C-alpha atoms as a PDB file:
ATOM      1  CA  UNK A   1     -24.932   9.347   7.966  1.00  0.00           C
ATOM      2  CA  UNK A   2     -24.498   8.093  11.565  1.00  0.00           C
ATOM      3  CA  UNK A   3     -28.284   7.753  11.924  1.00  0.00           C
ATOM      4  CA  UNK A   4     -28.545   5.622   8.770  1.00  0.00           C
ATOM      5  CA  UNK A   5     -25.647   3.427   9.900  1.00  0.00           C
ATOM      6  CA  UNK A   6     -27.403   2.911  13.227  1.00  0.00           C
ATOM      7  CA  UNK A   7     -30.609   1.896  11.444  1.00  0.00           C
ATOM      8  CA  UNK A   8     -28.734  -0.663   9.363  1.00  0.00           C
ATOM      9  CA  UNK A   9     -27.086  -2.171  12.424  1.00  0.00           C
ATOM     10  CA  UNK A  10     -30.407  -2.294  14.285  1.00  0.00           C
ATOM     11  CA  UNK A  11     -32.025  -4.010  11.297  1.00  0.00           C
ATOM     12  CA  UNK A  12     -29.348  -6.688  11.250  1.00  0.00           C
ATOM     13  CA  UNK A  13     -29.692  -7.276  14.979  1.00  0.00           C
ATOM     14  CA  UNK A  14     -33.476  -7.715  14.725  1.00  0.00           C
ATOM     15  CA  UNK A  15     -33.355  -9.996  11.697  1.00  0.00           C
ATOM     16  CA  UNK A  16     -34.305 -13.571  12.286  1.00  0.00           C
ATOM     17  CA  UNK A  17     -31.068 -15.430  11.901  1.00  0.00           C
ATOM     18  CA  UNK A  18     -30.795 -18.194   9.315  1.00  0.00           C
ATOM     19  CA  UNK A  19     -28.257 -19.830  11.575  1.00  0.00           C
ATOM     20  CA  UNK A  20     -25.486 -18.489  13.768  1.00  0.00           C
ATOM     21  CA  UNK A  21     -22.551 -16.988  11.928  1.00  0.00           C
ATOM     22  CA  UNK A  22     -19.499 -19.166  12.304  1.00  0.00           C
ATOM     23  CA  UNK A  23     -16.067 -17.760  13.019  1.00  0.00           C
ATOM     24  CA  UNK A  24     -13.494 -18.342  10.320  1.00  0.00           C
ATOM     25  CA  UNK A  25      -9.890 -17.998   9.237  1.00  0.00           C
ATOM     26  CA  UNK A  26      -8.893 -17.025   5.729  1.00  0.00           C
ATOM     27  CA  UNK A  27      -5.791 -16.658   3.568  1.00  0.00           C
ATOM     28  CA  UNK A  28      -5.981 -14.592   0.363  1.00  0.00           C
ATOM     29  CA  UNK A  29      -3.815 -13.450  -2.539  1.00  0.00           C
ATOM     30  CA  UNK A  30      -4.498 -10.757  -5.085  1.00  0.00           C
ATOM     31  CA  UNK A  31      -3.572  -7.482  -6.733  1.00  0.00           C
ATOM     32  CA  UNK A  32      -2.599  -4.181  -5.139  1.00  0.00           C
ATOM     33  CA  UNK A  33      -3.566  -1.303  -7.450  1.00  0.00           C
ATOM     34  CA  UNK A  34      -1.736   1.919  -6.569  1.00  0.00           C
ATOM     35  CA  UNK A  35      -3.724   5.161  -6.718  1.00  0.00           C
ATOM     36  CA  UNK A  36      -3.273   8.908  -6.197  1.00  0.00           C
ATOM     37  CA  UNK A  37       0.115  10.416  -5.381  1.00  0.00           C
ATOM     38  CA  UNK A  38       1.415   6.936  -4.617  1.00  0.00           C
ATOM     39  CA  UNK A  39       1.161   6.091  -8.318  1.00  0.00           C
ATOM     40  CA  UNK A  40       2.428   9.454  -9.567  1.00  0.00           C
ATOM     41  CA  UNK A  41       4.838  12.240  -8.653  1.00  0.00           C
ATOM     42  CA  UNK A  42       4.338  15.772  -7.387  1.00  0.00           C
ATOM     43  CA  UNK A  43       6.610  18.786  -7.228  1.00  0.00           C
ATOM     44  CA  UNK A  44       8.633  17.311  -4.366  1.00  0.00           C
ATOM     45  CA  UNK A  45       7.020  13.910  -3.879  1.00  0.00           C
ATOM     46  CA  UNK A  46       8.378  10.743  -5.437  1.00  0.00           C
ATOM     47  CA  UNK A  47       5.953   7.807  -5.662  1.00  0.00           C
ATOM     48  CA  UNK A  48       6.040   6.139  -9.097  1.00  0.00           C
ATOM     49  CA  UNK A  49       4.382   3.004  -7.700  1.00  0.00           C
ATOM     50  CA  UNK A  50       2.832   0.594 -10.153  1.00  0.00           C
ATOM     51  CA  UNK A  51       0.499  -2.299  -9.558  1.00  0.00           C
ATOM     52  CA  UNK A  52       1.689  -5.230  -7.501  1.00  0.00           C
ATOM     53  CA  UNK A  53       0.403  -8.058  -5.359  1.00  0.00           C
ATOM     54  CA  UNK A  54      -0.879  -8.480  -1.823  1.00  0.00           C
ATOM     55  CA  UNK A  55      -1.455 -11.348   0.594  1.00  0.00           C
ATOM     56  CA  UNK A  56      -3.566 -11.428   3.742  1.00  0.00           C
ATOM     57  CA  UNK A  57      -4.023 -13.692   6.760  1.00  0.00           C
ATOM     58  CA  UNK A  58      -7.111 -12.892   8.840  1.00  0.00           C
ATOM     59  CA  UNK A  59      -9.219 -14.212  11.707  1.00  0.00           C
ATOM     60  CA  UNK A  60     -12.914 -13.329  12.045  1.00  0.00           C
ATOM     61  CA  UNK A  61     -14.793 -13.728  15.330  1.00  0.00           C
ATOM     62  CA  UNK A  62     -18.545 -13.097  15.552  1.00  0.00           C
ATOM     63  CA  UNK A  63     -19.944 -12.255  18.997  1.00  0.00           C
ATOM     64  CA  UNK A  64     -23.439 -11.742  17.460  1.00  0.00           C
ATOM     65  CA  UNK A  65     -25.123 -13.488  14.556  1.00  0.00           C
ATOM     66  CA  UNK A  66     -24.224 -10.749  12.095  1.00  0.00           C
ATOM     67  CA  UNK A  67     -21.616  -8.625  13.861  1.00  0.00           C
ATOM     68  CA  UNK A  68     -18.062  -9.407  14.801  1.00  0.00           C
ATOM     69  CA  UNK A  69     -14.464  -8.328  14.714  1.00  0.00           C
ATOM     70  CA  UNK A  70     -11.712  -9.075  12.210  1.00  0.00           C
ATOM     71  CA  UNK A  71      -7.975  -8.814  12.682  1.00  0.00           C
ATOM     72  CA  UNK A  72      -5.114  -9.726  10.449  1.00  0.00           C
ATOM     73  CA  UNK A  73      -1.745  -9.260   8.863  1.00  0.00           C
ATOM     74  CA  UNK A  74      -1.316  -8.149   5.253  1.00  0.00           C
ATOM     75  CA  UNK A  75       1.749  -7.764   3.072  1.00  0.00           C
ATOM     76  CA  UNK A  76       1.935  -5.812  -0.157  1.00  0.00           C
ATOM     77  CA  UNK A  77       4.528  -5.191  -2.859  1.00  0.00           C
ATOM     78  CA  UNK A  78       4.200  -2.610  -5.622  1.00  0.00           C
ATOM     79  CA  UNK A  79       6.524  -2.375  -8.582  1.00  0.00           C
ATOM     80  CA  UNK A  80       8.490   0.833  -9.152  1.00  0.00           C
ATOM     81  CA  UNK A  81       8.313   2.666 -12.495  1.00  0.00           C
ATOM     82  CA  UNK A  82      12.084   3.091 -12.592  1.00  0.00           C
ATOM     83  CA  UNK A  83      12.166   4.559 -16.118  1.00  0.00           C
ATOM     84  CA  UNK A  84       9.839   7.434 -15.160  1.00  0.00           C
ATOM     85  CA  UNK A  85      11.692   7.899 -11.857  1.00  0.00           C
ATOM     86  CA  UNK A  86      15.061   8.153 -13.619  1.00  0.00           C
ATOM     87  CA  UNK A  87      13.674  10.795 -15.987  1.00  0.00           C
ATOM     88  CA  UNK A  88      12.231  12.740 -13.042  1.00  0.00           C
ATOM     89  CA  UNK A  89      15.528  12.694 -11.115  1.00  0.00           C
ATOM     90  CA  UNK A  90      17.448  13.881 -14.152  1.00  0.00           C
ATOM     91  CA  UNK A  91      15.027  16.782 -14.431  1.00  0.00           C
ATOM     92  CA  UNK A  92      15.468  17.538 -10.728  1.00  0.00           C
ATOM     93  CA  UNK A  93      19.230  17.747 -11.259  1.00  0.00           C
ATOM     94  CA  UNK A  94      18.753  20.621 -13.676  1.00  0.00           C
ATOM     95  CA  UNK A  95      16.248  22.317 -11.353  1.00  0.00           C
ATOM     96  CA  UNK A  96      18.446  22.065  -8.247  1.00  0.00           C
ATOM     97  CA  UNK A  97      21.671  22.975 -10.047  1.00  0.00           C
ATOM     98  CA  UNK A  98      20.798  25.541 -12.768  1.00  0.00           C
ATOM     99  CA  UNK A  99      23.203  25.686 -15.634  1.00  0.00           C
ATOM    100  CA  UNK A 100      24.005  21.958 -15.634  1.00  0.00           C
ATOM    101  CA  UNK A 101      23.830  20.533 -19.160  1.00  0.00           C
ATOM    102  CA  UNK A 102      23.961  16.776 -19.716  1.00  0.00           C
ATOM    103  CA  UNK A 103      25.910  15.827 -22.861  1.00  0.00           C
ATOM    104  CA  UNK A 104      25.049  12.806 -24.984  1.00  0.00           C
ATOM    105  CA  UNK A 105      28.055  10.881 -23.655  1.00  0.00           C
ATOM    106  CA  UNK A 106      26.760  11.016 -20.038  1.00  0.00           C
ATOM    107  CA  UNK A 107      27.323   7.674 -18.271  1.00  0.00           C
ATOM    108  CA  UNK A 108      24.240   6.550 -16.327  1.00  0.00           C
ATOM    109  CA  UNK A 109      24.034   3.938 -13.566  1.00  0.00           C
ATOM    110  CA  UNK A 110      20.681   3.276 -11.912  1.00  0.00           C
ATOM    111  CA  UNK A 111      19.621   0.586  -9.435  1.00  0.00           C
ATOM    112  CA  UNK A 112      16.270   0.286  -7.683  1.00  0.00           C
ATOM    113  CA  UNK A 113      14.031  -1.984  -5.614  1.00  0.00           C
ATOM    114  CA  UNK A 114      10.264  -2.110  -5.057  1.00  0.00           C
ATOM    115  CA  UNK A 115       7.724  -0.643  -2.638  1.00  0.00           C
ATOM    116  CA  UNK A 116       6.828  -2.905   0.308  1.00  0.00           C
ATOM    117  CA  UNK A 117       4.311  -2.582   3.131  1.00  0.00           C
ATOM    118  CA  UNK A 118       3.264  -4.700   6.122  1.00  0.00           C
ATOM    119  CA  UNK A 119      -0.015  -3.881   7.891  1.00  0.00           C
ATOM    120  CA  UNK A 120      -1.474  -4.955  11.249  1.00  0.00           C
ATOM    121  CA  UNK A 121      -5.177  -4.077  11.263  1.00  0.00           C
ATOM    122  CA  UNK A 122      -8.297  -4.780  13.351  1.00  0.00           C
ATOM    123  CA  UNK A 123     -11.899  -3.602  13.234  1.00  0.00           C
ATOM    124  CA  UNK A 124     -15.624  -4.430  13.070  1.00  0.00           C
ATOM    125  CA  UNK A 125     -17.296  -6.571  10.424  1.00  0.00           C
ATOM    126  CA  UNK A 126     -20.997  -6.922   9.533  1.00  0.00           C
ATOM    127  CA  UNK A 127     -22.247  -9.923   7.566  1.00  0.00           C
ATOM    128  CA  UNK A 128     -25.516 -10.613   5.751  1.00  0.00           C
ATOM    129  CA  UNK A 129     -26.548 -14.123   4.595  1.00  0.00           C
ATOM    130  CA  UNK A 130     -28.166 -14.462   1.174  1.00  0.00           C
ATOM    131  CA  UNK A 131     -28.988 -18.070   0.251  1.00  0.00           C
ATOM    132  CA  UNK A 132     -25.696 -20.014   0.296  1.00  0.00           C
ATOM    133  CA  UNK A 133     -23.582 -16.834   0.272  1.00  0.00           C
ATOM    134  CA  UNK A 134     -22.592 -14.319   2.908  1.00  0.00           C
ATOM    135  CA  UNK A 135     -21.790 -10.716   2.150  1.00  0.00           C
ATOM    136  CA  UNK A 136     -19.589  -8.589   4.412  1.00  0.00           C
ATOM    137  CA  UNK A 137     -18.693  -4.954   4.965  1.00  0.00           C
ATOM    138  CA  UNK A 138     -15.890  -3.952   7.298  1.00  0.00           C
ATOM    139  CA  UNK A 139     -13.638  -1.149   8.504  1.00  0.00           C
ATOM    140  CA  UNK A 140     -10.193  -1.665  10.029  1.00  0.00           C
ATOM    141  CA  UNK A 141      -7.527   0.522  11.582  1.00  0.00           C
ATOM    142  CA  UNK A 142      -4.006  -0.174  12.761  1.00  0.00           C
ATOM    143  CA  UNK A 143      -0.386   0.391  11.920  1.00  0.00           C
ATOM    144  CA  UNK A 144       1.421   0.143   8.601  1.00  0.00           C
ATOM    145  CA  UNK A 145       5.151  -0.348   8.090  1.00  0.00           C
ATOM    146  CA  UNK A 146       5.918   1.210   4.704  1.00  0.00           C
ATOM    147  CA  UNK A 147       9.325   0.515   3.160  1.00  0.00           C
ATOM    148  CA  UNK A 148      10.037   2.856   0.226  1.00  0.00           C
ATOM    149  CA  UNK A 149      12.221   1.458  -2.543  1.00  0.00           C
ATOM    150  CA  UNK A 150      15.946   1.990  -2.140  1.00  0.00           C
ATOM    151  CA  UNK A 151      17.371   3.431  -5.358  1.00  0.00           C
ATOM    152  CA  UNK A 152      20.584   5.090  -6.567  1.00  0.00           C
ATOM    153  CA  UNK A 153      21.160   7.185  -9.670  1.00  0.00           C
ATOM    154  CA  UNK A 154      24.706   8.079 -10.789  1.00  0.00           C
ATOM    155  CA  UNK A 155      25.405  10.401 -13.712  1.00  0.00           C
ATOM    156  CA  UNK A 156      28.951  11.192 -14.767  1.00  0.00           C
ATOM    157  CA  UNK A 157      30.434  13.185 -17.651  1.00  0.00           C
ATOM    158  CA  UNK A 158      33.779  14.938 -18.118  1.00  0.00           C
ATOM    159  CA  UNK A 159      34.890  15.881 -14.560  1.00  0.00           C
ATOM    160  CA  UNK A 160      31.348  16.121 -13.185  1.00  0.00           C
ATOM    161  CA  UNK A 161      29.218  13.704 -11.147  1.00  0.00           C
ATOM    162  CA  UNK A 162      25.638  13.657  -9.934  1.00  0.00           C
ATOM    163  CA  UNK A 163      24.239  11.242  -7.343  1.00  0.00           C
ATOM    164  CA  UNK A 164      20.634  10.867  -6.120  1.00  0.00           C
ATOM    165  CA  UNK A 165      19.602   8.275  -3.551  1.00  0.00           C
ATOM    166  CA  UNK A 166      16.673   7.477  -1.261  1.00  0.00           C
ATOM    167  CA  UNK A 167      16.735   6.459   2.399  1.00  0.00           C
ATOM    168  CA  UNK A 168      14.268   5.823   5.203  1.00  0.00           C
ATOM    169  CA  UNK A 169      11.115   3.989   6.211  1.00  0.00           C
ATOM    170  CA  UNK A 170       8.304   4.644   8.658  1.00  0.00           C
ATOM    171  CA  UNK A 171       5.540   3.151  10.781  1.00  0.00           C
ATOM    172  CA  UNK A 172       2.307   5.105  10.329  1.00  0.00           C
ATOM    173  CA  UNK A 173      -1.400   4.937  11.137  1.00  0.00           C
ATOM    174  CA  UNK A 174      -3.441   3.047   8.527  1.00  0.00           C
ATOM    175  CA  UNK A 175      -7.096   2.387   7.797  1.00  0.00           C
ATOM    176  CA  UNK A 176      -8.877   0.034   5.448  1.00  0.00           C
ATOM    177  CA  UNK A 177     -12.498  -0.234   4.291  1.00  0.00           C
ATOM    178  CA  UNK A 178     -13.952  -2.914   2.100  1.00  0.00           C
ATOM    179  CA  UNK A 179     -16.441  -5.645   1.316  1.00  0.00           C
ATOM    180  CA  UNK A 180     -16.351  -9.372   0.727  1.00  0.00           C
ATOM    181  CA  UNK A 181     -18.372 -12.366  -0.409  1.00  0.00           C
ATOM    182  CA  UNK A 182     -18.053 -15.849   1.112  1.00  0.00           C
ATOM    183  CA  UNK A 183     -19.144 -19.333   0.190  1.00  0.00           C
ATOM    184  CA  UNK A 184     -18.446 -22.442   2.254  1.00  0.00           C
ATOM    185  CA  UNK A 185     -19.373 -26.105   2.052  1.00  0.00           C
ATOM    186  CA  UNK A 186     -20.759 -28.335   4.803  1.00  0.00           C
ATOM    187  CA  UNK A 187     -17.262 -29.335   5.880  1.00  0.00           C
ATOM    188  CA  UNK A 188     -16.469 -25.717   6.774  1.00  0.00           C
ATOM    189  CA  UNK A 189     -14.143 -24.971   3.859  1.00  0.00           C
ATOM    190  CA  UNK A 190     -14.849 -22.352   1.265  1.00  0.00           C
ATOM    191  CA  UNK A 191     -13.820 -19.342  -0.776  1.00  0.00           C
ATOM    192  CA  UNK A 192     -13.694 -15.634   0.009  1.00  0.00           C
ATOM    193  CA  UNK A 193     -13.580 -12.757  -2.475  1.00  0.00           C
ATOM    194  CA  UNK A 194     -12.674  -9.304  -1.224  1.00  0.00           C
ATOM    195  CA  UNK A 195     -12.176  -5.706  -2.380  1.00  0.00           C
ATOM    196  CA  UNK A 196     -10.551  -3.248   0.038  1.00  0.00           C
ATOM    197  CA  UNK A 197      -9.174   0.289  -0.001  1.00  0.00           C
ATOM    198  CA  UNK A 198      -6.022   0.893   2.059  1.00  0.00           C
ATOM    199  CA  UNK A 199      -4.855   4.353   3.145  1.00  0.00           C
ATOM    200  CA  UNK A 200      -1.616   5.112   5.007  1.00  0.00           C
ATOM    201  CA  UNK A 201       1.489   7.263   4.440  1.00  0.00           C
ATOM    202  CA  UNK A 202       5.261   7.279   4.638  1.00  0.00           C
ATOM    203  CA  UNK A 203       8.200   9.630   5.131  1.00  0.00           C
ATOM    204  CA  UNK A 204      11.655   9.284   3.603  1.00  0.00           C
ATOM    205  CA  UNK A 205      14.493  11.418   2.248  1.00  0.00           C
ATOM    206  CA  UNK A 206      15.795  11.959  -1.264  1.00  0.00           C
ATOM    207  CA  UNK A 207      19.467  12.997  -1.186  1.00  0.00           C
ATOM    208  CA  UNK A 208      21.126  14.878  -4.065  1.00  0.00           C
ATOM    209  CA  UNK A 209      24.825  15.650  -4.610  1.00  0.00           C
ATOM    210  CA  UNK A 210      26.571  17.370  -7.518  1.00  0.00           C
ATOM    211  CA  UNK A 211      30.368  17.592  -7.892  1.00  0.00           C
ATOM    212  CA  UNK A 212      32.648  19.033 -10.513  1.00  0.00           C
ATOM    213  CA  UNK A 213      36.320  19.747 -11.071  1.00  0.00           C
ATOM    214  CA  UNK A 214      37.623  17.080  -8.685  1.00  0.00           C
ATOM    215  CA  UNK A 215      37.107  19.413  -5.714  1.00  0.00           C
ATOM    216  CA  UNK A 216      36.318  16.534  -3.378  1.00  0.00           C
ATOM    217  CA  UNK A 217      33.027  15.268  -2.019  1.00  0.00           C
ATOM    218  CA  UNK A 218      30.380  17.930  -1.525  1.00  0.00           C
ATOM    219  CA  UNK A 219      27.577  17.512   1.056  1.00  0.00           C
ATOM    220  CA  UNK A 220      24.268  15.952   0.113  1.00  0.00           C
ATOM    221  CA  UNK A 221      21.214  18.125  -0.349  1.00  0.00           C
ATOM    222  CA  UNK A 222      18.405  16.238   1.450  1.00  0.00           C
ATOM    223  CA  UNK A 223      14.741  16.811   0.568  1.00  0.00           C
ATOM    224  CA  UNK A 224      12.252  15.182   2.987  1.00  0.00           C
ATOM    225  CA  UNK A 225       9.333  13.422   1.331  1.00  0.00           C
ATOM    226  CA  UNK A 226       5.825  12.918   2.740  1.00  0.00           C
ATOM    227  CA  UNK A 227       3.746  10.603   0.592  1.00  0.00           C
ATOM    228  CA  UNK A 228       0.186   9.280   1.046  1.00  0.00           C
ATOM    229  CA  UNK A 229       0.144   5.554   0.251  1.00  0.00           C
ATOM    230  CA  UNK A 230      -3.225   4.483  -1.163  1.00  0.00           C
ATOM    231  CA  UNK A 231      -4.339   1.435  -3.097  1.00  0.00           C
ATOM    232  CA  UNK A 232      -7.214  -0.877  -3.929  1.00  0.00           C
ATOM    233  CA  UNK A 233      -6.711  -4.532  -3.081  1.00  0.00           C
ATOM    234  CA  UNK A 234      -8.679  -7.225  -4.907  1.00  0.00           C
ATOM    235  CA  UNK A 235      -8.130 -10.675  -3.385  1.00  0.00           C
ATOM    236  CA  UNK A 236      -9.386 -14.239  -3.505  1.00  0.00           C
ATOM    237  CA  UNK A 237      -8.544 -17.099  -1.187  1.00  0.00           C
ATOM    238  CA  UNK A 238      -9.580 -20.014   0.997  1.00  0.00           C
ATOM    239  CA  UNK A 239     -11.385 -19.948   4.333  1.00  0.00           C
ATOM    240  CA  UNK A 240     -12.125 -22.378   7.142  1.00  0.00           C
ATOM    241  CA  UNK A 241     -15.114 -21.930   9.449  1.00  0.00           C
ATOM    242  CA  UNK A 242     -15.001 -23.120  13.056  1.00  0.00           C
END
């Protein structure tokens, strides 16, 4: 694999350039499509992320005709499937506290937010001109600040109460790989389409507490969560070459 990658790079370097690649800035918006455990739930892993949106601000600098470096800041938000999460937490109540039976008159209160992530990434980019278009492939690494959704579930019936809540956020290593297509006019303005795959992770706690009989507040039962955060990002936006 490394040998083939080296051959591709050597081919690009030896190609007769159709004109020096210009540096450019771009701003893009698009969809963030959650995948894997991030979009589902495991035995002790709470993701329940749906699709959302992403925005990116990037700068591309080319030190050779077809090779350069790209760096940028991206922000993403993914909706939370709060209905599925509430069902899962209710099931966890009965698993953690065997013998608990929820009657029909159980009072339920549930509040939740969304998944958020901010990413600072940098890496190499290779571009190939084809007529009026330019195609790119790239790989970036950096740091991702993942903010899990804050949520609270309260269940109460008779003299019993159940509370489940989330807490925490983390800064973790992240990588991204993708491809893009660019078109610009003579004035230096243009459009960029991109498809990228982002991979990072997060850690947070889910805290459970069950009380009955008015015996006072019992301690929370905390379960640490480790969750891979993966998604495809499809974006479109404007660029300016300089």
